[in-house]
């Protein structure tokens, strides 16, 4: 179950994006994401979508990897902006009774959705084409605090442990005859409130076990000397050395991406 949510599941593929030096990759894609966030001109939407599609195609990541992670954030975004076409603007393009679809709001929703898709996809390309630990090491080289790096590493590591514990608890519940299927609720006369109370108890137990485990992990780390401000799990000098040719190609790719990002920003400013 935990492998389903692994962000670096396809980090071992062979593509140009995978071979890009992690440090330069983070800088370049972060600049692109920043420039996409400033796009407000509807004429630039095809440009940012084209750049996004090119990056994802070059990365060779499967589409299921994108769609499986786009589902919930996309629903959350739609839940926030779905009223904008009916509330923003003055030009009415469609009307039924008191419901009016406005042009300005519709265009704004289109821009927001396209920017979100492009930014989310580029972020997935950045994180999904490099092992997570390597990404954190590259961030340490770029100046990320050691404390924040350690928090990211430990959080990422123990998310898997939470999924493992949850799977074990689900299996134990099934062995005791409990199931979440609606048919079983009707058959055994299990009310929806009883179902909710069971899930709440499982969630509370899971959080308590996670909290106790975090205390044990921190105590073990302290016994091994962790706690000094100069001590960190992730060292910035732990990156593998690349060849000069590889570094040159990475720098050229970085410069090309910076030019594209700067052009988008200047277009918006001018």
Foldseek 3Di string as FASTA:
>chain_A
DLLLPDLQNPQPDDFPLLLFQLLLLCLLLVLQLVLLVLDDDLVCLVVLLVVLVVLVVRLPDDPCSVVVVCPVVVVVVCVVLVCQQQPDDDAFPDDDDPGTGHDVSVSVVVSVVSSVSSSSSSVSSSRHNHDNLSNLLSVVVVPDAQVVSQVVVVVSVCVSVLVVVLVVVVVVCVVVPDDDDPVVCVVVVPDPVNVVVVVVVSVVVSVVVVVVVVVVVVVVVVVVPPDDSPDHPHHNPPDDDDDPVSVVVSVVVSVVSNVVSVVSNVVSVD
